C-alpha atoms as a PDB file:
ATOM      1  CA  MET A   1      80.674  68.407 149.481  1.00  0.00           C
ATOM      2  CA  ALA A   2      77.697  69.828 147.606  1.00  0.00           C
ATOM      3  CA  GLU A   3      77.374  73.412 146.402  1.00  0.00           C
ATOM      4  CA  ILE A   4      77.821  75.892 149.258  1.00  0.00           C
ATOM      5  CA  THR A   5      77.439  79.634 149.655  1.00  0.00           C
ATOM      6  CA  MET A   6      80.350  81.488 151.240  1.00  0.00           C
ATOM      7  CA  GLY A   7      80.103  84.908 152.863  1.00  0.00           C
ATOM      8  CA  ALA A   8      83.014  87.187 153.813  1.00  0.00           C
ATOM      9  CA  VAL A   9      82.274  90.098 156.154  1.00  0.00           C
ATOM     10  CA  ALA A  10      83.852  93.545 156.226  1.00  0.00           C
ATOM     11  CA  ALA A  11      82.684  95.361 159.365  1.00  0.00           C
ATOM     12  CA  HIS A  12      83.821  97.355 162.369  1.00  0.00           C
ATOM     13  CA  PHE A  13      83.965  95.661 165.752  1.00  0.00           C
ATOM     14  CA  GLY A  14      85.154  97.581 168.799  1.00  0.00           C
ATOM     15  CA  ARG A  15      85.981  96.823 172.417  1.00  0.00           C
ATOM     16  CA  ASP A  16      82.383  96.638 173.696  1.00  0.00           C
ATOM     17  CA  VAL A  17      81.668  92.896 173.815  1.00  0.00           C
ATOM     18  CA  ALA A  18      78.026  93.300 174.834  1.00  0.00           C
ATOM     19  CA  ARG A  19      77.418  95.638 171.902  1.00  0.00           C
ATOM     20  CA  THR A  20      79.014  93.168 169.514  1.00  0.00           C
ATOM     21  CA  LEU A  21      76.902  90.286 170.777  1.00  0.00           C
ATOM     22  CA  ALA A  22      73.803  92.465 170.305  1.00  0.00           C
ATOM     23  CA  LYS A  23      74.915  93.410 166.778  1.00  0.00           C
ATOM     24  CA  LEU A  24      75.741  89.931 165.514  1.00  0.00           C
ATOM     25  CA  PRO A  25      72.202  88.460 165.303  1.00  0.00           C
ATOM     26  CA  GLY A  26      71.204  91.012 162.660  1.00  0.00           C
ATOM     27  CA  MET A  27      74.343  90.352 160.637  1.00  0.00           C
ATOM     28  CA  VAL A  28      73.872  86.598 160.832  1.00  0.00           C
ATOM     29  CA  GLU A  29      70.228  86.867 159.791  1.00  0.00           C
ATOM     30  CA  GLN A  30      71.165  89.016 156.799  1.00  0.00           C
ATOM     31  CA  ALA A  31      73.648  86.348 155.748  1.00  0.00           C
ATOM     32  CA  ARG A  32      71.092  83.604 156.337  1.00  0.00           C
ATOM     33  CA  ALA A  33      68.610  85.460 154.130  1.00  0.00           C
ATOM     34  CA  ARG A  34      71.193  85.289 151.332  1.00  0.00           C
ATOM     35  CA  GLY A  35      71.617  81.565 151.791  1.00  0.00           C
ATOM     36  CA  VAL A  36      75.083  81.705 153.347  1.00  0.00           C
ATOM     37  CA  ASP A  37      76.387  78.359 154.626  1.00  0.00           C
ATOM     38  CA  LEU A  38      79.842  79.579 155.704  1.00  0.00           C
ATOM     39  CA  LEU A  39      80.088  83.044 157.265  1.00  0.00           C
ATOM     40  CA  VAL A  40      83.565  84.434 157.935  1.00  0.00           C
ATOM     41  CA  LEU A  41      83.665  87.396 160.320  1.00  0.00           C
ATOM     42  CA  PRO A  42      86.820  89.473 160.913  1.00  0.00           C
ATOM     43  CA  ASP A  43      89.668  88.899 163.303  1.00  0.00           C
ATOM     44  CA  ALA A  44      88.925  90.414 166.717  1.00  0.00           C
ATOM     45  CA  THR A  45      85.153  90.305 166.174  1.00  0.00           C
ATOM     46  CA  VAL A  46      84.571  89.831 169.902  1.00  0.00           C
ATOM     47  CA  GLY A  47      86.468  92.472 171.865  1.00  0.00           C
ATOM     48  CA  GLY A  48      88.097  94.409 169.049  1.00  0.00           C
ATOM     49  CA  TYR A  49      91.735  94.676 168.042  1.00  0.00           C
ATOM     50  CA  LEU A  50      94.782  96.570 169.274  1.00  0.00           C
ATOM     51  CA  LEU A  51      94.912 100.376 169.263  1.00  0.00           C
ATOM     52  CA  ASP A  52      98.527 100.513 168.123  1.00  0.00           C
ATOM     53  CA  LEU A  53     100.804  98.021 166.358  1.00  0.00           C
ATOM     54  CA  VAL A  54     104.114  99.474 167.539  1.00  0.00           C
ATOM     55  CA  HIS A  55     103.693  99.468 171.327  1.00  0.00           C
ATOM     56  CA  PRO A  56     100.271  97.954 172.081  1.00  0.00           C
ATOM     57  CA  GLY A  57     101.128  97.077 175.675  1.00  0.00           C
ATOM     58  CA  SER A  58     102.597  94.029 177.324  1.00  0.00           C
ATOM     59  CA  LEU A  59     101.298  91.172 179.435  1.00  0.00           C
ATOM     60  CA  ALA A  60     103.896  92.029 182.052  1.00  0.00           C
ATOM     61  CA  ALA A  61     102.447  95.541 182.344  1.00  0.00           C
ATOM     62  CA  GLY A  62      98.891  94.276 182.715  1.00  0.00           C
ATOM     63  CA  ALA A  63      95.856  94.479 180.462  1.00  0.00           C
ATOM     64  CA  GLU A  64      95.643  98.283 180.112  1.00  0.00           C
ATOM     65  CA  GLY A  65      95.008  99.195 176.504  1.00  0.00           C
ATOM     66  CA  LEU A  66      94.558  95.611 175.400  1.00  0.00           C
ATOM     67  CA  PRO A  67      91.309  94.089 174.080  1.00  0.00           C
ATOM     68  CA  PRO A  68      89.101  92.198 176.530  1.00  0.00           C
ATOM     69  CA  ALA A  69      89.960  88.499 176.525  1.00  0.00           C
ATOM     70  CA  VAL A  70      87.491  85.598 176.540  1.00  0.00           C
ATOM     71  CA  GLU A  71      87.828  81.859 176.926  1.00  0.00           C
ATOM     72  CA  ILE A  72      87.056  79.519 174.046  1.00  0.00           C
ATOM     73  CA  ASP A  73      84.645  77.598 176.275  1.00  0.00           C
ATOM     74  CA  GLY A  74      83.230  80.787 177.782  1.00  0.00           C
ATOM     75  CA  PRO A  75      79.765  82.363 177.429  1.00  0.00           C
ATOM     76  CA  GLU A  76      80.740  84.882 174.732  1.00  0.00           C
ATOM     77  CA  VAL A  77      81.883  82.217 172.289  1.00  0.00           C
ATOM     78  CA  GLN A  78      78.909  80.036 173.232  1.00  0.00           C
ATOM     79  CA  ALA A  79      76.551  82.903 172.405  1.00  0.00           C
ATOM     80  CA  VAL A  80      77.873  83.007 168.831  1.00  0.00           C
ATOM     81  CA  ALA A  81      77.764  79.204 168.589  1.00  0.00           C
ATOM     82  CA  ASP A  82      74.103  79.229 169.624  1.00  0.00           C
ATOM     83  CA  LEU A  83      73.399  81.988 167.101  1.00  0.00           C
ATOM     84  CA  ALA A  84      74.944  80.010 164.254  1.00  0.00           C
ATOM     85  CA  GLY A  85      72.266  77.325 163.954  1.00  0.00           C
ATOM     86  CA  ASP A  86      72.978  75.299 160.819  1.00  0.00           C
ATOM     87  CA  MET A  87      75.384  77.967 159.516  1.00  0.00           C
ATOM     88  CA  THR A  88      79.123  77.545 160.049  1.00  0.00           C
ATOM     89  CA  ILE A  89      80.608  80.763 161.456  1.00  0.00           C
ATOM     90  CA  CYS A  90      84.262  81.709 161.867  1.00  0.00           C
ATOM     91  CA  PHE A  91      85.116  84.749 164.008  1.00  0.00           C
ATOM     92  CA  GLY A  92      88.034  86.227 165.920  1.00  0.00           C
ATOM     93  CA  VAL A  93      88.618  86.713 169.642  1.00  0.00           C
ATOM     94  CA  THR A  94      91.380  87.553 172.059  1.00  0.00           C
ATOM     95  CA  GLU A  95      91.654  84.195 173.783  1.00  0.00           C
ATOM     96  CA  ARG A  96      92.464  83.972 177.473  1.00  0.00           C
ATOM     97  CA  ALA A  97      94.253  80.761 178.424  1.00  0.00           C
ATOM     98  CA  LEU A  98      96.458  79.342 181.176  1.00  0.00           C
ATOM     99  CA  ASP A  99      99.962  78.072 180.522  1.00  0.00           C
ATOM    100  CA  GLY A 100     101.639  76.563 183.565  1.00  0.00           C
ATOM    101  CA  GLY A 101      99.407  78.623 185.817  1.00  0.00           C
ATOM    102  CA  GLU A 102     100.240  81.842 183.930  1.00  0.00           C
ATOM    103  CA  GLU A 103      97.439  83.713 182.168  1.00  0.00           C
ATOM    104  CA  VAL A 104      98.324  84.329 178.528  1.00  0.00           C
ATOM    105  CA  ARG A 105      96.533  85.781 175.507  1.00  0.00           C
ATOM    106  CA  TYR A 106      96.293  84.547 171.945  1.00  0.00           C
ATOM    107  CA  ASN A 107      94.868  86.181 168.845  1.00  0.00           C
ATOM    108  CA  SER A 108      92.512  83.353 167.906  1.00  0.00           C
ATOM    109  CA  ALA A 109      89.983  82.334 165.278  1.00  0.00           C
ATOM    110  CA  VAL A 110      87.054  80.180 166.373  1.00  0.00           C
ATOM    111  CA  CYS A 111      84.801  78.037 164.183  1.00  0.00           C
ATOM    112  CA  VAL A 112      81.292  77.255 165.468  1.00  0.00           C
ATOM    113  CA  GLN A 113      78.097  75.611 164.250  1.00  0.00           C
ATOM    114  CA  GLY A 114      74.927  74.268 165.829  1.00  0.00           C
ATOM    115  CA  GLY A 115      75.707  75.458 169.342  1.00  0.00           C
ATOM    116  CA  ARG A 116      79.183  73.929 169.498  1.00  0.00           C
ATOM    117  CA  VAL A 117      82.781  74.884 168.918  1.00  0.00           C
ATOM    118  CA  LEU A 118      84.217  72.891 166.013  1.00  0.00           C
ATOM    119  CA  GLY A 119      87.778  74.103 166.421  1.00  0.00           C
ATOM    120  CA  SER A 120      90.073  77.098 166.685  1.00  0.00           C
ATOM    121  CA  HIS A 121      93.393  78.497 165.482  1.00  0.00           C
ATOM    122  CA  ARG A 122      95.927  80.643 167.331  1.00  0.00           C
ATOM    123  CA  LYS A 123      97.728  83.190 165.156  1.00  0.00           C
ATOM    124  CA  VAL A 124     101.276  82.011 164.511  1.00  0.00           C
ATOM    125  CA  HIS A 125     102.902  85.034 162.844  1.00  0.00           C
ATOM    126  CA  LEU A 126     102.890  88.190 164.987  1.00  0.00           C
ATOM    127  CA  PRO A 127     103.931  91.431 163.201  1.00  0.00           C
ATOM    128  CA  LEU A 128     105.542  94.504 164.737  1.00  0.00           C
ATOM    129  CA  GLY A 129     104.558  94.853 168.410  1.00  0.00           C
ATOM    130  CA  GLU A 130     101.831  92.197 168.468  1.00  0.00           C
ATOM    131  CA  SER A 131     104.119  89.941 170.490  1.00  0.00           C
ATOM    132  CA  GLU A 132     103.747  92.413 173.374  1.00  0.00           C
ATOM    133  CA  ALA A 133     100.028  91.663 173.470  1.00  0.00           C
ATOM    134  CA  TYR A 134      99.728  88.037 172.341  1.00  0.00           C
ATOM    135  CA  ARG A 135     101.575  84.770 172.594  1.00  0.00           C
ATOM    136  CA  ALA A 136     102.169  83.125 169.221  1.00  0.00           C
ATOM    137  CA  GLY A 137     100.403  79.946 168.212  1.00  0.00           C
ATOM    138  CA  THR A 138     102.531  77.042 167.035  1.00  0.00           C
ATOM    139  CA  THR A 139     100.546  74.985 164.527  1.00  0.00           C
ATOM    140  CA  PHE A 140      98.303  74.984 161.482  1.00  0.00           C
ATOM    141  CA  ALA A 141      95.680  72.250 161.434  1.00  0.00           C
ATOM    142  CA  PRO A 142      92.387  72.152 159.477  1.00  0.00           C
ATOM    143  CA  VAL A 143      89.025  72.181 161.250  1.00  0.00           C
ATOM    144  CA  ASP A 144      86.335  69.737 160.120  1.00  0.00           C
ATOM    145  CA  SER A 145      82.968  71.398 159.573  1.00  0.00           C
ATOM    146  CA  PRO A 146      79.653  70.700 157.799  1.00  0.00           C
ATOM    147  CA  VAL A 147      80.867  72.790 154.834  1.00  0.00           C
ATOM    148  CA  GLY A 148      84.170  70.953 154.541  1.00  0.00           C
ATOM    149  CA  ARG A 149      87.629  70.843 156.029  1.00  0.00           C
ATOM    150  CA  LEU A 150      88.583  74.465 156.766  1.00  0.00           C
ATOM    151  CA  GLY A 151      92.114  75.839 156.861  1.00  0.00           C
ATOM    152  CA  LEU A 152      92.043  78.774 159.285  1.00  0.00           C
ATOM    153  CA  MET A 153      94.550  81.643 159.203  1.00  0.00           C
ATOM    154  CA  ILE A 154      94.646  85.062 160.857  1.00  0.00           C
ATOM    155  CA  ASP A 155      95.760  88.096 158.820  1.00  0.00           C
ATOM    156  CA  PHE A 156      99.619  88.105 158.886  1.00  0.00           C
ATOM    157  CA  ASP A 157      99.602  84.292 158.670  1.00  0.00           C
ATOM    158  CA  LYS A 158      98.631  84.613 155.003  1.00  0.00           C
ATOM    159  CA  THR A 159     101.811  86.557 154.238  1.00  0.00           C
ATOM    160  CA  PHE A 160     103.704  83.282 154.532  1.00  0.00           C
ATOM    161  CA  PRO A 161     102.936  80.668 151.841  1.00  0.00           C
ATOM    162  CA  GLU A 162     103.947  77.910 154.248  1.00  0.00           C
ATOM    163  CA  SER A 163     100.804  78.581 156.322  1.00  0.00           C
ATOM    164  CA  SER A 164      98.249  77.794 153.625  1.00  0.00           C
ATOM    165  CA  ARG A 165     100.430  75.117 152.055  1.00  0.00           C
ATOM    166  CA  THR A 166     100.605  73.256 155.374  1.00  0.00           C
ATOM    167  CA  LEU A 167      96.813  73.404 155.603  1.00  0.00           C
ATOM    168  CA  ALA A 168      96.358  72.292 151.979  1.00  0.00           C
ATOM    169  CA  LEU A 169      98.694  69.332 152.437  1.00  0.00           C
ATOM    170  CA  ASP A 170      96.665  68.350 155.503  1.00  0.00           C
ATOM    171  CA  GLY A 171      93.516  68.144 153.413  1.00  0.00           C
ATOM    172  CA  ALA A 172      91.980  71.603 153.784  1.00  0.00           C
ATOM    173  CA  GLU A 173      89.151  72.009 151.268  1.00  0.00           C
ATOM    174  CA  LEU A 174      88.623  75.728 151.874  1.00  0.00           C
ATOM    175  CA  LEU A 175      91.055  78.396 153.066  1.00  0.00           C
ATOM    176  CA  VAL A 176      89.626  80.902 155.538  1.00  0.00           C
ATOM    177  CA  CYS A 177      91.500  84.029 156.589  1.00  0.00           C
ATOM    178  CA  LEU A 178      90.173  86.386 159.272  1.00  0.00           C
ATOM    179  CA  SER A 179      91.847  89.783 159.416  1.00  0.00           C
ATOM    180  CA  ALA A 180      92.159  93.012 161.341  1.00  0.00           C
ATOM    181  CA  TRP A 181      94.453  94.345 158.614  1.00  0.00           C
ATOM    182  CA  PRO A 182      95.121  98.094 158.717  1.00  0.00           C
ATOM    183  CA  ALA A 183      96.464 100.530 156.186  1.00  0.00           C
ATOM    184  CA  SER A 184     100.210 101.070 156.307  1.00  0.00           C
ATOM    185  CA  VAL A 185     101.429 102.432 159.639  1.00  0.00           C
ATOM    186  CA  THR A 186     104.796 103.522 158.181  1.00  0.00           C
ATOM    187  CA  ASP A 187     103.863 104.928 154.751  1.00  0.00           C
ATOM    188  CA  ARG A 188     100.346 106.315 154.950  1.00  0.00           C
ATOM    189  CA  SER A 189      98.345 107.080 151.822  1.00  0.00           C
ATOM    190  CA  ASP A 190      95.550 109.640 151.539  1.00  0.00           C
ATOM    191  CA  ARG A 191      93.332 107.011 149.889  1.00  0.00           C
ATOM    192  CA  LEU A 192      92.856 103.475 151.148  1.00  0.00           C
ATOM    193  CA  ARG A 193      92.620 102.144 147.616  1.00  0.00           C
ATOM    194  CA  THR A 194      96.181 103.272 146.851  1.00  0.00           C
ATOM    195  CA  ASP A 195      97.678 102.210 150.182  1.00  0.00           C
ATOM    196  CA  ARG A 196     100.429  99.641 149.761  1.00  0.00           C
ATOM    197  CA  GLN A 197      98.839  97.388 152.366  1.00  0.00           C
ATOM    198  CA  ALA A 198      95.599  97.392 150.364  1.00  0.00           C
ATOM    199  CA  HIS A 199      97.558  96.011 147.419  1.00  0.00           C
ATOM    200  CA  LEU A 200      99.328  93.375 149.519  1.00  0.00           C
ATOM    201  CA  PHE A 201      96.109  92.333 151.257  1.00  0.00           C
ATOM    202  CA  ASP A 202      94.525  91.416 147.912  1.00  0.00           C
ATOM    203  CA  LEU A 203      97.736  89.993 146.475  1.00  0.00           C
ATOM    204  CA  TYR A 204      98.206  87.521 149.314  1.00  0.00           C
ATOM    205  CA  ASP A 205      94.576  86.373 149.129  1.00  0.00           C
ATOM    206  CA  CYS A 206      94.826  85.684 145.409  1.00  0.00           C
ATOM    207  CA  ALA A 207      98.249  84.047 145.617  1.00  0.00           C
ATOM    208  CA  ARG A 208      97.326  81.724 148.480  1.00  0.00           C
ATOM    209  CA  ALA A 209      94.201  80.578 146.622  1.00  0.00           C
ATOM    210  CA  ALA A 210      95.960  80.069 143.266  1.00  0.00           C
ATOM    211  CA  GLU A 211      99.088  78.331 144.527  1.00  0.00           C
ATOM    212  CA  ASN A 212      97.011  75.805 146.491  1.00  0.00           C
ATOM    213  CA  GLN A 213      94.146  75.676 143.959  1.00  0.00           C
ATOM    214  CA  LEU A 214      91.557  76.207 146.680  1.00  0.00           C
ATOM    215  CA  TRP A 215      88.687  78.594 147.336  1.00  0.00           C
ATOM    216  CA  LEU A 216      89.632  81.275 149.890  1.00  0.00           C
ATOM    217  CA  VAL A 217      87.255  83.360 152.016  1.00  0.00           C
ATOM    218  CA  SER A 218      88.840  86.513 153.447  1.00  0.00           C
ATOM    219  CA  SER A 219      87.243  88.886 155.986  1.00  0.00           C
ATOM    220  CA  ASN A 220      88.526  92.127 157.486  1.00  0.00           C
ATOM    221  CA  GLN A 221      87.754  94.906 159.913  1.00  0.00           C
ATOM    222  CA  THR A 222      86.703  98.360 158.687  1.00  0.00           C
ATOM    223  CA  GLY A 223      86.797 101.824 160.208  1.00  0.00           C
ATOM    224  CA  VAL A 224      89.208 103.227 162.792  1.00  0.00           C
ATOM    225  CA  LEU A 225      90.310 101.881 166.176  1.00  0.00           C
ATOM    226  CA  GLY A 226      92.927 103.832 168.075  1.00  0.00           C
ATOM    227  CA  GLY A 227      95.659 104.757 165.591  1.00  0.00           C
ATOM    228  CA  LEU A 228      94.720 102.057 163.082  1.00  0.00           C
ATOM    229  CA  ARG A 229      92.565 102.476 159.979  1.00  0.00           C
ATOM    230  CA  PHE A 230      91.333  99.166 158.607  1.00  0.00           C
ATOM    231  CA  LEU A 231      91.095  98.286 154.930  1.00  0.00           C
ATOM    232  CA  GLY A 232      87.904  96.256 154.592  1.00  0.00           C
ATOM    233  CA  GLN A 233      88.260  94.468 151.227  1.00  0.00           C
ATOM    234  CA  ALA A 234      86.533  91.264 152.334  1.00  0.00           C
ATOM    235  CA  LYS A 235      86.379  88.844 149.430  1.00  0.00           C
ATOM    236  CA  VAL A 236      85.890  85.354 148.033  1.00  0.00           C
ATOM    237  CA  VAL A 237      88.633  84.068 145.720  1.00  0.00           C
ATOM    238  CA  ASP A 238      88.363  81.046 143.417  1.00  0.00           C
ATOM    239  CA  PRO A 239      91.016  78.313 142.915  1.00  0.00           C
ATOM    240  CA  ALA A 240      92.480  80.214 139.950  1.00  0.00           C
ATOM    241  CA  GLY A 241      93.181  83.232 142.157  1.00  0.00           C
ATOM    242  CA  GLU A 242      90.331  85.325 140.734  1.00  0.00           C
ATOM    243  CA  ILE A 243      88.281  87.546 143.048  1.00  0.00           C
ATOM    244  CA  VAL A 244      84.640  86.639 142.453  1.00  0.00           C
ATOM    245  CA  ALA A 245      83.064  88.823 145.175  1.00  0.00           C
ATOM    246  CA  LYS A 246      84.447  91.803 147.134  1.00  0.00           C
ATOM    247  CA  THR A 247      83.275  94.566 149.489  1.00  0.00           C
ATOM    248  CA  TRP A 248      85.988  97.195 148.916  1.00  0.00           C
ATOM    249  CA  ALA A 249      86.726  99.542 151.843  1.00  0.00           C
ATOM    250  CA  LYS A 250      83.242  99.927 153.306  1.00  0.00           C
ATOM    251  CA  GLY A 251      81.355  97.440 155.406  1.00  0.00           C
ATOM    252  CA  GLY A 252      79.449  94.724 153.602  1.00  0.00           C
ATOM    253  CA  LEU A 253      79.104  91.054 152.775  1.00  0.00           C
ATOM    254  CA  ALA A 254      80.838  89.433 149.804  1.00  0.00           C
ATOM    255  CA  VAL A 255      78.936  86.311 148.740  1.00  0.00           C
ATOM    256  CA  ALA A 256      79.739  83.538 146.265  1.00  0.00           C
ATOM    257  CA  THR A 257      78.251  80.103 145.639  1.00  0.00           C
ATOM    258  CA  ALA A 258      80.289  77.184 144.345  1.00  0.00           C
ATOM    259  CA  ASP A 259      80.631  73.436 144.177  1.00  0.00           C
ATOM    260  CA  VAL A 260      83.921  73.571 146.035  1.00  0.00           C
ATOM    261  CA  THR A 261      84.912  69.941 145.545  1.00  0.00           C
ATOM    262  CA  ALA A 262      84.209  69.970 141.821  1.00  0.00           C
ATOM    263  CA  ASP A 263      85.991  73.289 141.319  1.00  0.00           C
ATOM    264  CA  VAL A 264      89.131  72.118 143.098  1.00  0.00           C
ATOM    265  CA  ALA A 265      89.153  68.855 141.142  1.00  0.00           C
ATOM    266  CA  ARG A 266      88.809  70.829 137.907  1.00  0.00           C
ATOM    267  CA  ALA A 267      91.616  73.205 138.860  1.00  0.00           C
ATOM    268  CA  ARG A 268      93.949  70.305 139.617  1.00  0.00           C
ATOM    269  CA  ARG A 269      92.996  68.113 136.664  1.00  0.00           C
ATOM    270  CA  THR A 270      96.034  69.015 134.533  1.00  0.00           C
ATOM    271  CA  LEU A 271      98.343  70.980 136.812  1.00  0.00           C
ATOM    272  CA  ASP A 272      98.108  69.683 140.367  1.00  0.00           C
ATOM    273  CA  HIS A 273     100.347  71.938 142.438  1.00  0.00           C
ATOM    274  CA  LEU A 274     100.315  69.734 145.523  1.00  0.00           C
ATOM    275  CA  ARG A 275     100.998  66.486 143.690  1.00  0.00           C
ATOM    276  CA  GLN A 276     103.681  68.010 141.452  1.00  0.00           C
ATOM    277  CA  ARG A 277     105.759  69.421 144.294  1.00  0.00           C
ATOM    278  CA  VAL A 278     109.430  68.350 144.483  1.00  0.00           C
ATOM    279  CA  PRO A 279     110.185  68.502 148.237  1.00  0.00           C
ATOM    280  CA  ALA A 280     113.736  67.205 147.833  1.00  0.00           C
ATOM    281  CA  ALA A 281     114.631  70.319 145.834  1.00  0.00           C
ATOM    282  CA  TYR A 282     113.492  72.755 148.524  1.00  0.00           C
ATOM    283  CA  ALA A 283     115.866  74.074 151.160  1.00  0.00           C
ATOM    284  CA  ASP A 284     113.583  73.043 154.024  1.00  0.00           C
ATOM    285  CA  GLY A 285     112.518  69.756 152.496  1.00  0.00           C
ATOM    286  CA  GLY A 286     109.127  71.178 151.643  1.00  0.00           C
ATOM    287  CA  ARG A 287     108.007  71.255 155.254  1.00  0.00           C
END
């Protein structure tokens, strides 16, 4: 993999899908003008996120209050794929799928490039009341793209080191985390910068990058939707866990350019965290 430019987006995306699809071309062109090869948009880019994390609604009660759902092979996702051109774009959707004839929803990340879907990831870890709105995914598997093998995660997934470690062991060359991560819903702070979730959001990004010695690109929603106030703080983190570009709480694009392969090789030259694991010593066998 040669030198690539990574872009992490902090922006607000609401429930109006048509408005989002009209807004995205300008954002993509701005990123293209800055030479971005990999653009990571937030979770719930298409259709917006939940209005409440405690009781967001249930599938049994119908779709009232829930984000509009789209199919991975549907026209909304295809519109973003066509927009991508030679750029690789990752973005979030509420995915509508059938399981045994039953319609279910997943909180999903989709990776597209050149008019095609390269792969997707269904969020595995569902916090608070998210399980009322979404079915949990069951696997972590990298997606092959023109900018390398991408390890996709969705916000709460990054809280668990097993998520990124599974992806790293499966050959992920870049970690990508799409978020709709709000400020604390149980211990609100007057300032986003001092909110405990703002601290954890950055901490997890840096830890996941450093422990796997990989670049990590992290996006997030901004603004307010329902009772949730989102943190922003999109960033690019290097294999040492250092933040090299960040947007803070407002909307923006964090951009960094790197020779990803060379940087990872350099980081692992002396201390190779993956190779020096001792699975037999771990309670779960290192799985």
